[in-house]
């Protein structure tokens, strides 16, 4: 026994909008829904793409640095190579670029591997990949006389030391990942590489 399926035809409903002109504008409900959906999507897209910073919000800076080999860092690029521990850090707005956050970190000098510094503490100036208070690092630094601060040479110039006591006692290694030097090294082995 076959059932007969009745097909109904859906007729579009038309909405008449009266304007100051005597001719009414006819819009189907489907077109109204489509128009409404387009307006909603435009509002969402414009809200999501609003990336302009407000005057009271600070932004993190980004950098596009040249990456150096270990030998380039040691022989040409670094004014100072040292092991240091971060004891304080202050965030502030960059004077030259309004809205950009920079960090000035106070570093306690643990050991100088190359270069010369007489102070027990130095200031590290950073806008990206900022160091953290309480952590120790192997750092390849350049001095910036115009701001009287040190900066890291490139993205590989800041290597976190997990256990400073073990590393300083040569019972722990540090992973170096450069094009020309790659592997786990003790402090004494790193000193030999720097010579």
C-alpha atoms as a PDB file:
ATOM      1  CA  UNK A   1       0.000   0.000   0.000  1.00  0.00           C
ATOM      2  CA  UNK A   2       1.511   3.209  -1.118  1.00  0.00           C
ATOM      3  CA  UNK A   3       1.114   6.367   0.777  1.00  0.00           C
ATOM      4  CA  UNK A   4       0.587   9.405  -1.171  1.00  0.00           C
ATOM      5  CA  UNK A   5       2.906  12.227  -0.205  1.00  0.00           C
ATOM      6  CA  UNK A   6       1.472  15.588  -0.674  1.00  0.00           C
ATOM      7  CA  UNK A   7       3.928  18.208  -1.746  1.00  0.00           C
ATOM      8  CA  UNK A   8       3.178  21.701  -0.752  1.00  0.00           C
ATOM      9  CA  UNK A   9       4.509  24.692  -2.497  1.00  0.00           C
ATOM     10  CA  UNK A  10       6.041  27.358  -0.281  1.00  0.00           C
ATOM     11  CA  UNK A  11       5.174  30.746  -1.506  1.00  0.00           C
ATOM     12  CA  UNK A  12       7.462  33.601  -0.553  1.00  0.00           C
ATOM     13  CA  UNK A  13       5.874  36.108   1.739  1.00  0.00           C
ATOM     14  CA  UNK A  14       6.306  39.621   0.552  1.00  0.00           C
ATOM     15  CA  UNK A  15       6.623  42.610   2.818  1.00  0.00           C
ATOM     16  CA  UNK A  16       5.601  45.950   1.464  1.00  0.00           C
ATOM     17  CA  UNK A  17       7.490  48.947   2.778  1.00  0.00           C
ATOM     18  CA  UNK A  18       5.979  52.312   2.178  1.00  0.00           C
ATOM     19  CA  UNK A  19       8.298  55.174   1.397  1.00  0.00           C
ATOM     20  CA  UNK A  20       7.705  58.812   0.760  1.00  0.00           C
ATOM     21  CA  UNK A  21       7.455  57.841  -2.880  1.00  0.00           C
ATOM     22  CA  UNK A  22       4.081  56.455  -3.850  1.00  0.00           C
ATOM     23  CA  UNK A  23       5.520  53.169  -5.145  1.00  0.00           C
ATOM     24  CA  UNK A  24       5.879  50.475  -2.421  1.00  0.00           C
ATOM     25  CA  UNK A  25       9.135  48.473  -2.218  1.00  0.00           C
ATOM     26  CA  UNK A  26       8.536  44.742  -2.104  1.00  0.00           C
ATOM     27  CA  UNK A  27      11.090  42.620  -0.191  1.00  0.00           C
ATOM     28  CA  UNK A  28      10.721  38.930   0.492  1.00  0.00           C
ATOM     29  CA  UNK A  29      11.198  37.612   4.044  1.00  0.00           C
ATOM     30  CA  UNK A  30      14.140  35.592   2.791  1.00  0.00           C
ATOM     31  CA  UNK A  31      15.871  38.754   1.583  1.00  0.00           C
ATOM     32  CA  UNK A  32      15.199  40.456   4.920  1.00  0.00           C
ATOM     33  CA  UNK A  33      16.787  37.519   6.754  1.00  0.00           C
ATOM     34  CA  UNK A  34      19.780  37.581   4.413  1.00  0.00           C
ATOM     35  CA  UNK A  35      20.205  41.326   4.875  1.00  0.00           C
ATOM     36  CA  UNK A  36      19.953  40.969   8.653  1.00  0.00           C
ATOM     37  CA  UNK A  37      22.519  38.127   8.624  1.00  0.00           C
ATOM     38  CA  UNK A  38      24.928  40.216   6.515  1.00  0.00           C
ATOM     39  CA  UNK A  39      24.644  43.160   8.918  1.00  0.00           C
ATOM     40  CA  UNK A  40      25.324  40.907  11.921  1.00  0.00           C
ATOM     41  CA  UNK A  41      28.363  39.350  10.224  1.00  0.00           C
ATOM     42  CA  UNK A  42      29.766  42.774   9.330  1.00  0.00           C
ATOM     43  CA  UNK A  43      29.387  43.892  12.934  1.00  0.00           C
ATOM     44  CA  UNK A  44      31.168  40.772  14.201  1.00  0.00           C
ATOM     45  CA  UNK A  45      33.998  41.118  11.692  1.00  0.00           C
ATOM     46  CA  UNK A  46      34.513  44.788  12.453  1.00  0.00           C
ATOM     47  CA  UNK A  47      34.525  44.113  16.202  1.00  0.00           C
ATOM     48  CA  UNK A  48      37.083  41.297  15.833  1.00  0.00           C
ATOM     49  CA  UNK A  49      39.360  43.221  13.506  1.00  0.00           C
ATOM     50  CA  UNK A  50      39.524  46.334  15.652  1.00  0.00           C
ATOM     51  CA  UNK A  51      43.194  46.039  16.504  1.00  0.00           C
ATOM     52  CA  UNK A  52      43.979  49.687  16.999  1.00  0.00           C
ATOM     53  CA  UNK A  53      45.366  50.216  20.504  1.00  0.00           C
ATOM     54  CA  UNK A  54      43.560  52.533  22.816  1.00  0.00           C
ATOM     55  CA  UNK A  55      45.601  55.325  24.271  1.00  0.00           C
ATOM     56  CA  UNK A  56      45.643  53.876  27.770  1.00  0.00           C
ATOM     57  CA  UNK A  57      46.553  50.307  26.812  1.00  0.00           C
ATOM     58  CA  UNK A  58      50.178  49.236  26.477  1.00  0.00           C
ATOM     59  CA  UNK A  59      51.245  46.735  23.840  1.00  0.00           C
ATOM     60  CA  UNK A  60      53.973  44.154  23.830  1.00  0.00           C
ATOM     61  CA  UNK A  61      56.559  44.799  21.143  1.00  0.00           C
ATOM     62  CA  UNK A  62      57.774  42.307  18.570  1.00  0.00           C
ATOM     63  CA  UNK A  63      61.179  41.973  16.968  1.00  0.00           C
ATOM     64  CA  UNK A  64      62.578  40.610  13.746  1.00  0.00           C
ATOM     65  CA  UNK A  65      66.220  39.879  14.557  1.00  0.00           C
ATOM     66  CA  UNK A  66      69.148  38.510  12.674  1.00  0.00           C
ATOM     67  CA  UNK A  67      70.247  35.211  14.238  1.00  0.00           C
ATOM     68  CA  UNK A  68      73.971  34.654  14.795  1.00  0.00           C
ATOM     69  CA  UNK A  69      76.106  31.554  15.184  1.00  0.00           C
ATOM     70  CA  UNK A  70      77.819  30.865  18.504  1.00  0.00           C
ATOM     71  CA  UNK A  71      81.194  31.929  17.088  1.00  0.00           C
ATOM     72  CA  UNK A  72      79.735  35.179  15.723  1.00  0.00           C
ATOM     73  CA  UNK A  73      78.252  35.959  19.135  1.00  0.00           C
ATOM     74  CA  UNK A  74      81.542  35.259  20.894  1.00  0.00           C
ATOM     75  CA  UNK A  75      83.949  36.860  18.431  1.00  0.00           C
ATOM     76  CA  UNK A  76      82.011  39.774  16.928  1.00  0.00           C
ATOM     77  CA  UNK A  77      78.622  40.615  18.359  1.00  0.00           C
ATOM     78  CA  UNK A  78      78.764  40.413  22.166  1.00  0.00           C
ATOM     79  CA  UNK A  79      80.238  43.092  24.422  1.00  0.00           C
ATOM     80  CA  UNK A  80      79.568  40.932  27.466  1.00  0.00           C
ATOM     81  CA  UNK A  81      78.877  37.217  28.008  1.00  0.00           C
ATOM     82  CA  UNK A  82      77.816  36.324  31.505  1.00  0.00           C
ATOM     83  CA  UNK A  83      75.734  34.227  33.831  1.00  0.00           C
ATOM     84  CA  UNK A  84      73.254  36.309  35.793  1.00  0.00           C
ATOM     85  CA  UNK A  85      70.168  36.000  37.970  1.00  0.00           C
ATOM     86  CA  UNK A  86      67.209  38.364  37.639  1.00  0.00           C
ATOM     87  CA  UNK A  87      66.559  40.084  40.967  1.00  0.00           C
ATOM     88  CA  UNK A  88      64.048  42.750  39.886  1.00  0.00           C
ATOM     89  CA  UNK A  89      62.080  43.809  36.814  1.00  0.00           C
ATOM     90  CA  UNK A  90      60.072  46.923  36.057  1.00  0.00           C
ATOM     91  CA  UNK A  91      57.638  47.317  33.169  1.00  0.00           C
ATOM     92  CA  UNK A  92      57.336  50.770  31.668  1.00  0.00           C
ATOM     93  CA  UNK A  93      56.124  52.515  28.557  1.00  0.00           C
ATOM     94  CA  UNK A  94      58.777  53.104  25.904  1.00  0.00           C
ATOM     95  CA  UNK A  95      59.614  56.795  25.665  1.00  0.00           C
ATOM     96  CA  UNK A  96      60.256  56.785  21.909  1.00  0.00           C
ATOM     97  CA  UNK A  97      57.212  54.645  21.021  1.00  0.00           C
ATOM     98  CA  UNK A  98      54.089  55.460  22.974  1.00  0.00           C
ATOM     99  CA  UNK A  99      52.053  52.406  23.895  1.00  0.00           C
ATOM    100  CA  UNK A 100      54.930  49.893  23.732  1.00  0.00           C
ATOM    101  CA  UNK A 101      55.901  48.103  26.950  1.00  0.00           C
ATOM    102  CA  UNK A 102      59.563  47.528  27.748  1.00  0.00           C
ATOM    103  CA  UNK A 103      61.183  45.870  30.717  1.00  0.00           C
ATOM    104  CA  UNK A 104      64.221  46.978  32.656  1.00  0.00           C
ATOM    105  CA  UNK A 105      65.505  44.000  34.629  1.00  0.00           C
ATOM    106  CA  UNK A 106      68.148  44.206  37.318  1.00  0.00           C
ATOM    107  CA  UNK A 107      70.566  41.307  37.000  1.00  0.00           C
ATOM    108  CA  UNK A 108      72.918  40.052  39.699  1.00  0.00           C
ATOM    109  CA  UNK A 109      76.155  39.124  37.940  1.00  0.00           C
ATOM    110  CA  UNK A 110      77.063  35.539  38.878  1.00  0.00           C
ATOM    111  CA  UNK A 111      80.064  35.083  36.584  1.00  0.00           C
ATOM    112  CA  UNK A 112      81.527  36.996  33.618  1.00  0.00           C
ATOM    113  CA  UNK A 113      82.652  34.656  30.828  1.00  0.00           C
ATOM    114  CA  UNK A 114      83.805  37.329  28.384  1.00  0.00           C
ATOM    115  CA  UNK A 115      84.005  41.104  28.509  1.00  0.00           C
ATOM    116  CA  UNK A 116      84.395  43.393  31.456  1.00  0.00           C
ATOM    117  CA  UNK A 117      81.932  44.683  34.018  1.00  0.00           C
ATOM    118  CA  UNK A 118      82.856  46.013  37.455  1.00  0.00           C
ATOM    119  CA  UNK A 119      79.359  46.346  38.873  1.00  0.00           C
ATOM    120  CA  UNK A 120      77.732  43.474  40.743  1.00  0.00           C
ATOM    121  CA  UNK A 121      74.445  44.352  39.056  1.00  0.00           C
ATOM    122  CA  UNK A 122      73.577  45.449  35.528  1.00  0.00           C
ATOM    123  CA  UNK A 123      70.347  46.606  33.862  1.00  0.00           C
ATOM    124  CA  UNK A 124      68.940  44.567  30.970  1.00  0.00           C
ATOM    125  CA  UNK A 125      66.608  46.472  28.644  1.00  0.00           C
ATOM    126  CA  UNK A 126      64.081  44.284  26.765  1.00  0.00           C
ATOM    127  CA  UNK A 127      60.974  44.752  24.685  1.00  0.00           C
ATOM    128  CA  UNK A 128      60.472  41.076  23.730  1.00  0.00           C
ATOM    129  CA  UNK A 129      61.228  37.660  25.273  1.00  0.00           C
ATOM    130  CA  UNK A 130      61.598  39.232  28.682  1.00  0.00           C
ATOM    131  CA  UNK A 131      63.495  37.555  31.508  1.00  0.00           C
ATOM    132  CA  UNK A 132      61.688  36.464  34.691  1.00  0.00           C
ATOM    133  CA  UNK A 133      62.469  37.393  38.270  1.00  0.00           C
ATOM    134  CA  UNK A 134      64.326  34.644  40.159  1.00  0.00           C
ATOM    135  CA  UNK A 135      65.544  32.875  37.019  1.00  0.00           C
ATOM    136  CA  UNK A 136      69.165  32.584  35.929  1.00  0.00           C
ATOM    137  CA  UNK A 137      70.450  32.905  32.377  1.00  0.00           C
ATOM    138  CA  UNK A 138      73.501  32.621  30.167  1.00  0.00           C
ATOM    139  CA  UNK A 139      73.406  35.947  28.296  1.00  0.00           C
ATOM    140  CA  UNK A 140      75.171  37.342  25.248  1.00  0.00           C
ATOM    141  CA  UNK A 141      74.803  41.119  25.594  1.00  0.00           C
ATOM    142  CA  UNK A 142      75.566  44.362  23.807  1.00  0.00           C
ATOM    143  CA  UNK A 143      75.887  47.679  25.628  1.00  0.00           C
ATOM    144  CA  UNK A 144      73.730  50.575  24.416  1.00  0.00           C
ATOM    145  CA  UNK A 145      75.486  53.780  25.568  1.00  0.00           C
ATOM    146  CA  UNK A 146      72.565  56.019  24.518  1.00  0.00           C
ATOM    147  CA  UNK A 147      70.354  54.413  27.196  1.00  0.00           C
ATOM    148  CA  UNK A 148      73.200  53.086  29.386  1.00  0.00           C
ATOM    149  CA  UNK A 149      71.655  49.613  29.372  1.00  0.00           C
ATOM    150  CA  UNK A 150      72.486  46.154  28.053  1.00  0.00           C
ATOM    151  CA  UNK A 151      70.389  44.322  25.451  1.00  0.00           C
ATOM    152  CA  UNK A 152      70.480  40.718  24.234  1.00  0.00           C
ATOM    153  CA  UNK A 153      72.169  40.322  20.847  1.00  0.00           C
ATOM    154  CA  UNK A 154      69.586  38.015  19.221  1.00  0.00           C
ATOM    155  CA  UNK A 155      66.799  35.579  20.163  1.00  0.00           C
ATOM    156  CA  UNK A 156      69.349  32.841  21.007  1.00  0.00           C
ATOM    157  CA  UNK A 157      71.330  35.131  23.305  1.00  0.00           C
ATOM    158  CA  UNK A 158      69.201  34.428  26.375  1.00  0.00           C
ATOM    159  CA  UNK A 159      69.440  30.836  27.614  1.00  0.00           C
ATOM    160  CA  UNK A 160      67.593  29.881  30.787  1.00  0.00           C
ATOM    161  CA  UNK A 161      69.608  27.893  33.360  1.00  0.00           C
ATOM    162  CA  UNK A 162      67.295  25.518  35.216  1.00  0.00           C
ATOM    163  CA  UNK A 163      69.520  24.817  38.254  1.00  0.00           C
ATOM    164  CA  UNK A 164      72.124  27.558  38.706  1.00  0.00           C
ATOM    165  CA  UNK A 165      73.843  25.866  41.678  1.00  0.00           C
ATOM    166  CA  UNK A 166      74.360  22.575  39.833  1.00  0.00           C
ATOM    167  CA  UNK A 167      75.419  24.356  36.662  1.00  0.00           C
ATOM    168  CA  UNK A 168      77.927  26.580  38.448  1.00  0.00           C
ATOM    169  CA  UNK A 169      79.307  23.442  40.174  1.00  0.00           C
ATOM    170  CA  UNK A 170      79.661  21.680  36.783  1.00  0.00           C
ATOM    171  CA  UNK A 171      77.241  18.913  37.786  1.00  0.00           C
ATOM    172  CA  UNK A 172      74.540  20.030  35.320  1.00  0.00           C
ATOM    173  CA  UNK A 173      74.585  20.867  31.629  1.00  0.00           C
ATOM    174  CA  UNK A 174      73.018  23.604  29.536  1.00  0.00           C
ATOM    175  CA  UNK A 175      71.535  23.002  26.086  1.00  0.00           C
ATOM    176  CA  UNK A 176      73.068  25.227  23.412  1.00  0.00           C
ATOM    177  CA  UNK A 177      71.247  25.347  20.078  1.00  0.00           C
ATOM    178  CA  UNK A 178      73.238  27.284  17.521  1.00  0.00           C
ATOM    179  CA  UNK A 179      74.092  26.444  13.931  1.00  0.00           C
ATOM    180  CA  UNK A 180      77.721  25.774  14.807  1.00  0.00           C
ATOM    181  CA  UNK A 181      77.365  24.618  18.436  1.00  0.00           C
ATOM    182  CA  UNK A 182      74.560  22.248  19.338  1.00  0.00           C
ATOM    183  CA  UNK A 183      74.312  19.994  22.389  1.00  0.00           C
ATOM    184  CA  UNK A 184      74.554  19.778  26.181  1.00  0.00           C
ATOM    185  CA  UNK A 185      77.534  21.549  27.772  1.00  0.00           C
ATOM    186  CA  UNK A 186      78.831  22.068  31.321  1.00  0.00           C
ATOM    187  CA  UNK A 187      80.017  25.506  32.423  1.00  0.00           C
ATOM    188  CA  UNK A 188      83.655  24.487  31.939  1.00  0.00           C
ATOM    189  CA  UNK A 189      82.923  23.261  28.407  1.00  0.00           C
ATOM    190  CA  UNK A 190      81.162  26.534  27.574  1.00  0.00           C
ATOM    191  CA  UNK A 191      84.182  28.486  28.887  1.00  0.00           C
ATOM    192  CA  UNK A 192      86.405  26.440  26.542  1.00  0.00           C
ATOM    193  CA  UNK A 193      84.110  27.182  23.601  1.00  0.00           C
ATOM    194  CA  UNK A 194      84.294  30.918  24.359  1.00  0.00           C
ATOM    195  CA  UNK A 195      88.129  31.018  24.521  1.00  0.00           C
END
